[in-house]
Amino acid sequence: MLRTVCKSKIHGATITEANVGYTGSVTLDAELMRAVDLVPYEQVHVLNLTNGERIQTYCIEGPPGSGIVCINGAAAHLMAVGEKVIILSYVQLTASELEGFTPRVFVVDGKNRIQQVVSPAAPAAGWPAEEDDGPSLGRLS
């Protein structure tokens, strides 16, 4: 069985541009993409902390060190410059792959520079200690 889990997260990014004329995607600072393990054209979800909108798209590289977070295409009607977002990507892993897996989670400042590396949270109380098909969530930490 495969489980879909968070692979990469950029928390609190600030939208720097919105370009309705572009054919889609979100443009991200290439250095930020590398830090959180995102590759060009990888599927991402963008969650708008300001207005609650959520989109699914793919990322493309912007100039390294620029801090760019540009919402492109039709989604630019839903998100505006200055709004705060979370950018997530996911991966599907087997039970054995989950054992050593740790997502890359970063909090950024208002200029989209990494300010904090966040470690995964402990499993929620009440989760089973063992599962028939793999490790418990406690083994992620």
C-alpha atoms as a PDB file:
ATOM      1  CA  MET A   1       0.000   0.000   0.000  1.00  0.00           C
ATOM      2  CA  LEU A   2       1.158   3.514  -0.781  1.00  0.00           C
ATOM      3  CA  ARG A   3       0.498   6.470   1.499  1.00  0.00           C
ATOM      4  CA  THR A   4       0.480  10.037   0.227  1.00  0.00           C
ATOM      5  CA  VAL A   5       2.402  12.308   2.620  1.00  0.00           C
ATOM      6  CA  CYS A   6       3.703  15.867   2.619  1.00  0.00           C
ATOM      7  CA  LYS A   7       7.164  15.987   1.000  1.00  0.00           C
ATOM      8  CA  SER A   8       7.854  19.724   0.869  1.00  0.00           C
ATOM      9  CA  LYS A   9       6.244  22.747   2.522  1.00  0.00           C
ATOM     10  CA  ILE A  10       6.930  26.465   2.283  1.00  0.00           C
ATOM     11  CA  HIS A  11       4.897  28.168   5.010  1.00  0.00           C
ATOM     12  CA  GLY A  12       3.958  31.842   4.967  1.00  0.00           C
ATOM     13  CA  ALA A  13       5.319  32.805   1.546  1.00  0.00           C
ATOM     14  CA  THR A  14       4.281  36.205   0.240  1.00  0.00           C
ATOM     15  CA  ILE A  15       2.925  36.471  -3.298  1.00  0.00           C
ATOM     16  CA  THR A  16       5.195  38.912  -5.132  1.00  0.00           C
ATOM     17  CA  GLU A  17       3.485  38.848  -8.538  1.00  0.00           C
ATOM     18  CA  ALA A  18       0.265  37.680 -10.193  1.00  0.00           C
ATOM     19  CA  ASN A  19       0.352  37.218 -13.978  1.00  0.00           C
ATOM     20  CA  VAL A  20      -2.983  36.355 -15.600  1.00  0.00           C
ATOM     21  CA  GLY A  21      -1.375  36.373 -19.075  1.00  0.00           C
ATOM     22  CA  TYR A  22       0.944  33.440 -18.373  1.00  0.00           C
ATOM     23  CA  THR A  23      -0.314  29.958 -19.269  1.00  0.00           C
ATOM     24  CA  GLY A  24      -0.386  28.588 -15.726  1.00  0.00           C
ATOM     25  CA  SER A  25       1.817  27.485 -12.838  1.00  0.00           C
ATOM     26  CA  VAL A  26       3.529  29.204  -9.928  1.00  0.00           C
ATOM     27  CA  THR A  27       6.987  30.720 -10.396  1.00  0.00           C
ATOM     28  CA  LEU A  28       9.246  30.226  -7.364  1.00  0.00           C
ATOM     29  CA  ASP A  29      12.740  31.411  -6.471  1.00  0.00           C
ATOM     30  CA  ALA A  30      15.035  28.639  -7.789  1.00  0.00           C
ATOM     31  CA  GLU A  31      17.086  28.620  -4.560  1.00  0.00           C
ATOM     32  CA  LEU A  32      13.930  28.164  -2.479  1.00  0.00           C
ATOM     33  CA  MET A  33      12.815  25.334  -4.773  1.00  0.00           C
ATOM     34  CA  ARG A  34      16.120  23.506  -4.288  1.00  0.00           C
ATOM     35  CA  ALA A  35      16.029  24.003  -0.503  1.00  0.00           C
ATOM     36  CA  VAL A  36      12.594  22.370  -0.189  1.00  0.00           C
ATOM     37  CA  ASP A  37      13.288  19.692  -2.830  1.00  0.00           C
ATOM     38  CA  LEU A  38      10.964  20.891  -5.589  1.00  0.00           C
ATOM     39  CA  VAL A  39      11.859  20.340  -9.244  1.00  0.00           C
ATOM     40  CA  PRO A  40      10.552  22.257 -12.262  1.00  0.00           C
ATOM     41  CA  TYR A  41       7.078  21.102 -13.332  1.00  0.00           C
ATOM     42  CA  GLU A  42       6.479  19.238 -10.058  1.00  0.00           C
ATOM     43  CA  GLN A  43       2.856  19.325  -8.939  1.00  0.00           C
ATOM     44  CA  VAL A  44       2.197  21.653  -6.013  1.00  0.00           C
ATOM     45  CA  HIS A  45      -0.792  22.856  -4.048  1.00  0.00           C
ATOM     46  CA  VAL A  46      -0.962  26.543  -3.151  1.00  0.00           C
ATOM     47  CA  LEU A  47      -3.114  27.357  -0.117  1.00  0.00           C
ATOM     48  CA  ASN A  48      -3.955  31.017   0.376  1.00  0.00           C
ATOM     49  CA  LEU A  49      -3.763  31.934   4.072  1.00  0.00           C
ATOM     50  CA  THR A  50      -5.360  35.319   3.390  1.00  0.00           C
ATOM     51  CA  ASN A  51      -8.559  34.295   1.615  1.00  0.00           C
ATOM     52  CA  GLY A  52      -8.783  30.480   1.855  1.00  0.00           C
ATOM     53  CA  GLU A  53      -8.444  29.759  -1.869  1.00  0.00           C
ATOM     54  CA  ARG A  54      -6.628  26.553  -2.841  1.00  0.00           C
ATOM     55  CA  ILE A  55      -5.140  25.686  -6.214  1.00  0.00           C
ATOM     56  CA  GLN A  56      -3.302  22.736  -7.683  1.00  0.00           C
ATOM     57  CA  THR A  57      -0.671  23.561 -10.300  1.00  0.00           C
ATOM     58  CA  TYR A  58       3.016  23.000 -11.043  1.00  0.00           C
ATOM     59  CA  CYS A  59       6.092  25.059 -10.201  1.00  0.00           C
ATOM     60  CA  ILE A  60       8.635  26.648 -12.489  1.00  0.00           C
ATOM     61  CA  GLU A  61      11.965  28.243 -11.559  1.00  0.00           C
ATOM     62  CA  GLY A  62      12.344  31.975 -11.148  1.00  0.00           C
ATOM     63  CA  PRO A  63      15.617  33.853 -10.728  1.00  0.00           C
ATOM     64  CA  PRO A  64      17.723  32.423  -7.866  1.00  0.00           C
ATOM     65  CA  GLY A  65      17.743  34.611  -4.756  1.00  0.00           C
ATOM     66  CA  SER A  66      14.907  36.789  -6.064  1.00  0.00           C
ATOM     67  CA  GLY A  67      12.274  35.698  -3.543  1.00  0.00           C
ATOM     68  CA  ILE A  68       9.734  35.479  -6.362  1.00  0.00           C
ATOM     69  CA  VAL A  69       6.390  33.776  -5.749  1.00  0.00           C
ATOM     70  CA  CYS A  70       4.307  34.530  -8.836  1.00  0.00           C
ATOM     71  CA  ILE A  71       0.858  33.062  -9.339  1.00  0.00           C
ATOM     72  CA  ASN A  72       0.355  32.593 -13.076  1.00  0.00           C
ATOM     73  CA  GLY A  73      -2.626  32.074 -15.343  1.00  0.00           C
ATOM     74  CA  ALA A  74      -6.248  31.849 -14.236  1.00  0.00           C
ATOM     75  CA  ALA A  75      -5.257  31.390 -10.584  1.00  0.00           C
ATOM     76  CA  ALA A  76      -3.998  34.986 -10.603  1.00  0.00           C
ATOM     77  CA  HIS A  77      -7.678  35.983 -10.394  1.00  0.00           C
ATOM     78  CA  LEU A  78      -7.878  34.144  -7.043  1.00  0.00           C
ATOM     79  CA  MET A  79      -4.668  35.329  -5.372  1.00  0.00           C
ATOM     80  CA  ALA A  80      -3.164  38.789  -5.103  1.00  0.00           C
ATOM     81  CA  VAL A  81       0.238  40.353  -4.520  1.00  0.00           C
ATOM     82  CA  GLY A  82       0.985  40.613  -0.804  1.00  0.00           C
ATOM     83  CA  GLU A  83      -1.195  37.680   0.255  1.00  0.00           C
ATOM     84  CA  LYS A  84       0.340  34.878   2.327  1.00  0.00           C
ATOM     85  CA  VAL A  85       0.365  31.289   1.040  1.00  0.00           C
ATOM     86  CA  ILE A  86       1.492  27.773   1.879  1.00  0.00           C
ATOM     87  CA  ILE A  87       3.071  25.788  -0.968  1.00  0.00           C
ATOM     88  CA  LEU A  88       2.969  21.997  -0.602  1.00  0.00           C
ATOM     89  CA  SER A  89       4.094  18.978  -2.562  1.00  0.00           C
ATOM     90  CA  TYR A  90       3.372  15.353  -1.784  1.00  0.00           C
ATOM     91  CA  VAL A  91       5.000  11.980  -2.359  1.00  0.00           C
ATOM     92  CA  GLN A  92       3.650   8.440  -2.301  1.00  0.00           C
ATOM     93  CA  LEU A  93       5.672   6.077  -0.132  1.00  0.00           C
ATOM     94  CA  THR A  94       5.508   2.454   0.907  1.00  0.00           C
ATOM     95  CA  ALA A  95       5.455   1.511   4.587  1.00  0.00           C
ATOM     96  CA  SER A  96       9.180   0.710   4.512  1.00  0.00           C
ATOM     97  CA  GLU A  97       9.998   4.054   2.836  1.00  0.00           C
ATOM     98  CA  LEU A  98       8.033   5.915   5.506  1.00  0.00           C
ATOM     99  CA  GLU A  99      10.386   4.669   8.226  1.00  0.00           C
ATOM    100  CA  GLY A 100      13.238   6.981   7.308  1.00  0.00           C
ATOM    101  CA  PHE A 101      11.238   9.734   5.644  1.00  0.00           C
ATOM    102  CA  THR A 102      11.248  13.340   6.859  1.00  0.00           C
ATOM    103  CA  PRO A 103       9.490  16.113   4.922  1.00  0.00           C
ATOM    104  CA  ARG A 104      11.252  19.398   4.220  1.00  0.00           C
ATOM    105  CA  VAL A 105       9.257  22.121   5.974  1.00  0.00           C
ATOM    106  CA  PHE A 106      10.401  25.753   5.958  1.00  0.00           C
ATOM    107  CA  VAL A 107       8.932  28.991   7.291  1.00  0.00           C
ATOM    108  CA  VAL A 108       9.849  32.046   5.223  1.00  0.00           C
ATOM    109  CA  ASP A 109       9.847  35.758   5.985  1.00  0.00           C
ATOM    110  CA  GLY A 110       8.093  38.569   4.096  1.00  0.00           C
ATOM    111  CA  LYS A 111      10.780  38.479   1.389  1.00  0.00           C
ATOM    112  CA  ASN A 112      10.446  34.700   1.013  1.00  0.00           C
ATOM    113  CA  ARG A 113      13.798  33.931   2.628  1.00  0.00           C
ATOM    114  CA  ILE A 114      14.047  30.833   4.809  1.00  0.00           C
ATOM    115  CA  GLN A 115      13.763  31.810   8.459  1.00  0.00           C
ATOM    116  CA  GLN A 116      13.116  28.489  10.160  1.00  0.00           C
ATOM    117  CA  VAL A 117      13.374  24.785   9.441  1.00  0.00           C
ATOM    118  CA  VAL A 118      10.481  23.000  11.117  1.00  0.00           C
ATOM    119  CA  SER A 119      10.786  19.366  12.199  1.00  0.00           C
ATOM    120  CA  PRO A 120       7.812  17.031  11.806  1.00  0.00           C
ATOM    121  CA  ALA A 121       5.281  17.038  14.627  1.00  0.00           C
ATOM    122  CA  ALA A 122       4.854  14.057  16.910  1.00  0.00           C
ATOM    123  CA  PRO A 123       1.954  11.739  16.016  1.00  0.00           C
ATOM    124  CA  ALA A 124      -1.457  12.668  17.316  1.00  0.00           C
ATOM    125  CA  ALA A 125      -2.615  10.985  20.506  1.00  0.00           C
ATOM    126  CA  GLY A 126      -4.738   7.936  19.870  1.00  0.00           C
ATOM    127  CA  TRP A 127      -2.973   6.758  16.732  1.00  0.00           C
ATOM    128  CA  PRO A 128      -2.268   3.032  16.789  1.00  0.00           C
ATOM    129  CA  ALA A 129       1.204   1.983  17.886  1.00  0.00           C
ATOM    130  CA  GLU A 130       1.513  -0.538  15.051  1.00  0.00           C
ATOM    131  CA  GLU A 131      -0.271  -1.186  11.791  1.00  0.00           C
ATOM    132  CA  ASP A 132      -0.511  -4.451   9.918  1.00  0.00           C
ATOM    133  CA  ASP A 133       1.010  -2.968   6.769  1.00  0.00           C
ATOM    134  CA  GLY A 134       3.822  -0.831   8.111  1.00  0.00           C
ATOM    135  CA  PRO A 135       5.331   1.378  10.769  1.00  0.00           C
ATOM    136  CA  SER A 136       3.469   3.595  13.185  1.00  0.00           C
ATOM    137  CA  LEU A 137       3.437   7.343  12.645  1.00  0.00           C
ATOM    138  CA  GLY A 138       5.745   7.628  15.642  1.00  0.00           C
ATOM    139  CA  ARG A 139       8.583   6.264  13.543  1.00  0.00           C
ATOM    140  CA  LEU A 140       8.512   9.372  11.334  1.00  0.00           C
ATOM    141  CA  SER A 141      10.049  11.606  13.987  1.00  0.00           C
END
